[in-house]
Protein backbone atom coordinates (compact mmCIF):
# COMPACT_ATOMS: atom_id res chain seq x y z
CA MET A 1 46.89 -65.20 4.60
CA ASP A 2 48.67 -68.48 4.00
CA GLY A 3 52.45 -68.39 3.91
CA HIS A 4 55.60 -67.94 5.91
CA ARG A 5 56.08 -64.53 7.51
CA SER A 6 59.54 -62.97 7.73
CA LEU A 7 61.29 -59.66 8.25
CA ASP A 8 64.16 -58.49 6.10
CA ALA A 9 67.17 -56.38 7.16
CA SER A 10 65.18 -53.14 6.88
CA GLY A 11 62.40 -54.49 9.10
CA ALA A 12 59.86 -54.78 6.27
CA ASP A 13 57.28 -57.54 6.60
CA HIS A 14 57.22 -60.13 3.80
CA ARG A 15 55.09 -63.20 3.26
CA ASP A 16 56.15 -66.19 1.24
CA VAL A 17 52.90 -67.07 -0.50
CA ASN A 18 52.69 -70.66 -1.73
CA ILE A 19 51.40 -69.59 -5.14
CA GLY A 20 53.75 -66.62 -5.53
CA LEU A 21 54.70 -67.37 -9.13
CA LEU A 22 51.03 -67.54 -10.14
CA TYR A 23 50.38 -64.23 -8.38
CA ILE A 24 53.31 -62.53 -10.17
CA THR A 25 52.06 -63.83 -13.52
CA ALA A 26 48.50 -62.64 -12.85
CA ILE A 27 49.59 -59.14 -11.83
CA ALA A 28 51.90 -58.83 -14.85
CA SER A 29 49.03 -59.79 -17.18
CA ILE A 30 46.72 -56.98 -16.13
CA SER A 31 48.20 -54.64 -18.77
CA VAL A 32 46.26 -56.51 -21.46
CA TYR A 33 42.99 -55.01 -20.19
CA GLY A 34 44.35 -51.48 -20.49
CA ILE A 35 45.19 -51.90 -24.15
CA VAL A 36 41.76 -53.29 -25.03
CA LEU A 37 40.00 -50.55 -23.07
CA ALA A 38 42.16 -47.84 -24.65
CA GLY A 39 41.14 -48.98 -28.12
CA TRP A 40 37.50 -49.40 -27.19
CA SER A 41 37.17 -46.08 -25.35
CA SER A 42 38.27 -44.00 -28.33
CA ASN A 43 35.00 -44.89 -30.12
CA ASN A 44 36.86 -45.60 -33.35
CA LYS A 45 36.68 -48.94 -35.10
CA TYR A 46 40.29 -48.75 -36.32
CA ALA A 47 41.56 -47.98 -32.83
CA MET A 48 39.50 -50.90 -31.52
CA LEU A 49 41.02 -53.21 -34.13
CA GLY A 50 44.48 -51.92 -33.25
CA GLY A 51 43.81 -52.59 -29.57
CA ILE A 52 42.60 -56.10 -30.29
CA ARG A 53 45.64 -56.74 -32.47
CA SER A 54 48.02 -55.52 -29.77
CA THR A 55 46.20 -57.57 -27.15
CA ALA A 56 46.39 -60.74 -29.24
CA GLN A 57 50.10 -60.16 -29.70
CA MET A 58 50.64 -59.62 -25.94
CA ILE A 59 48.66 -62.73 -25.04
CA SER A 60 50.78 -64.83 -27.38
CA TYR A 61 53.94 -63.57 -25.67
CA GLU A 62 52.48 -64.15 -22.22
CA LEU A 63 51.66 -67.75 -23.10
CA ALA A 64 55.30 -68.40 -23.98
CA LEU A 65 56.38 -66.56 -20.82
CA GLY A 66 54.06 -68.67 -18.68
CA MET A 67 55.29 -71.88 -20.28
CA SER A 68 58.88 -70.91 -19.48
CA PHE A 69 57.92 -70.79 -15.77
CA ILE A 70 57.01 -74.49 -15.78
CA GLY A 71 60.64 -75.71 -15.79
CA PRO A 72 61.67 -73.90 -12.59
CA MET A 73 58.40 -74.89 -10.90
CA LEU A 74 59.03 -78.56 -11.67
CA LEU A 75 62.68 -78.43 -10.62
CA ALA A 76 61.82 -76.74 -7.31
CA ASN A 77 58.63 -78.78 -6.85
CA SER A 78 56.92 -75.60 -5.67
CA MET A 79 55.27 -72.41 -6.92
CA SER A 80 56.68 -70.40 -4.03
CA VAL A 81 59.31 -67.90 -5.13
CA GLY A 82 61.22 -68.44 -1.88
CA ASP A 83 61.33 -72.21 -2.42
CA ILE A 84 62.53 -71.71 -6.00
CA VAL A 85 65.38 -69.48 -4.79
CA LYS A 86 66.34 -71.99 -2.07
CA SER A 87 66.33 -74.81 -4.60
CA GLN A 88 68.63 -72.84 -6.90
CA GLN A 89 71.02 -72.31 -4.00
CA GLU A 90 71.18 -76.08 -3.50
CA ILE A 91 71.42 -77.43 -7.06
CA GLY A 92 72.62 -74.41 -9.05
CA TRP A 93 71.10 -71.91 -11.41
CA TYR A 94 68.18 -73.14 -13.46
CA VAL A 95 69.66 -71.48 -16.55
CA ILE A 96 72.18 -74.33 -16.61
CA TRP A 97 69.49 -76.97 -16.09
CA GLN A 98 66.94 -75.41 -18.45
CA PRO A 99 68.74 -73.49 -21.25
CA LEU A 100 65.81 -73.73 -23.66
CA GLY A 101 63.39 -72.42 -21.02
CA ALA A 102 65.80 -69.55 -20.25
CA LEU A 103 66.02 -68.67 -23.96
CA ILE A 104 62.22 -68.73 -24.31
CA PHE A 105 61.90 -66.58 -21.18
CA TRP A 106 64.44 -64.05 -22.51
CA ILE A 107 62.75 -63.77 -25.93
CA ALA A 108 59.28 -63.52 -24.38
CA THR A 109 60.35 -60.76 -22.00
CA LEU A 110 61.87 -58.82 -24.89
CA ALA A 111 58.58 -59.17 -26.74
CA GLU A 112 56.56 -58.24 -23.66
CA VAL A 113 58.33 -54.89 -23.26
CA ASN A 114 58.03 -54.18 -27.02
CA ARG A 115 61.74 -54.12 -27.78
CA ALA A 116 62.92 -54.58 -31.37
CA PRO A 117 62.04 -56.68 -33.35
CA PHE A 118 58.79 -57.09 -31.39
CA ASP A 119 57.67 -53.45 -31.53
CA MET A 120 54.99 -53.94 -34.20
CA PRO A 121 52.03 -52.44 -32.24
CA GLU A 122 53.93 -49.17 -31.90
CA ALA A 123 55.46 -49.06 -35.39
CA GLU A 124 55.59 -45.55 -36.86
CA GLN A 125 54.68 -46.65 -40.38
CA GLU A 126 51.39 -48.11 -39.13
CA LEU A 127 49.99 -45.21 -37.14
CA THR A 128 46.44 -45.99 -38.30
CA ALA A 129 46.72 -49.49 -36.83
CA ALA A 130 47.83 -48.30 -33.40
CA ILE A 131 45.61 -47.97 -30.35
CA THR A 132 45.20 -44.19 -30.62
CA PRO A 133 45.21 -43.18 -34.30
CA ASN A 134 42.89 -40.18 -33.91
CA ILE A 135 44.87 -38.31 -31.25
CA PRO A 136 46.71 -35.35 -32.80
CA ALA A 137 50.39 -34.80 -32.11
């Protein structure tokens, strides 16, 4: 595996992968598949439509979240999380250098975890549009 190998204070082995930010983004995006499959597996067209609606909403938030990563990558001139941290230690927090990117990141993360006002897929008044409308309470 490509990357710098290091041990932390507890003796755990860590690798600084050169494309660490891309890897974090890819792993965080896997949840989209679960929502589509949950709607599809219920064998109900309304649940499938609800799953597709929730997935489209999540993808739109993840696009904004991914775009907010571009500022720190350009400032650090690297996709490595370790290099980004080292660069922030040298020139200061990127929140000061990129306030718009930080605001977009904050709003997108609120939307990604379905906090208000972005909790539309789980709204109680639209139970028939959710992923699992035919599961009894």
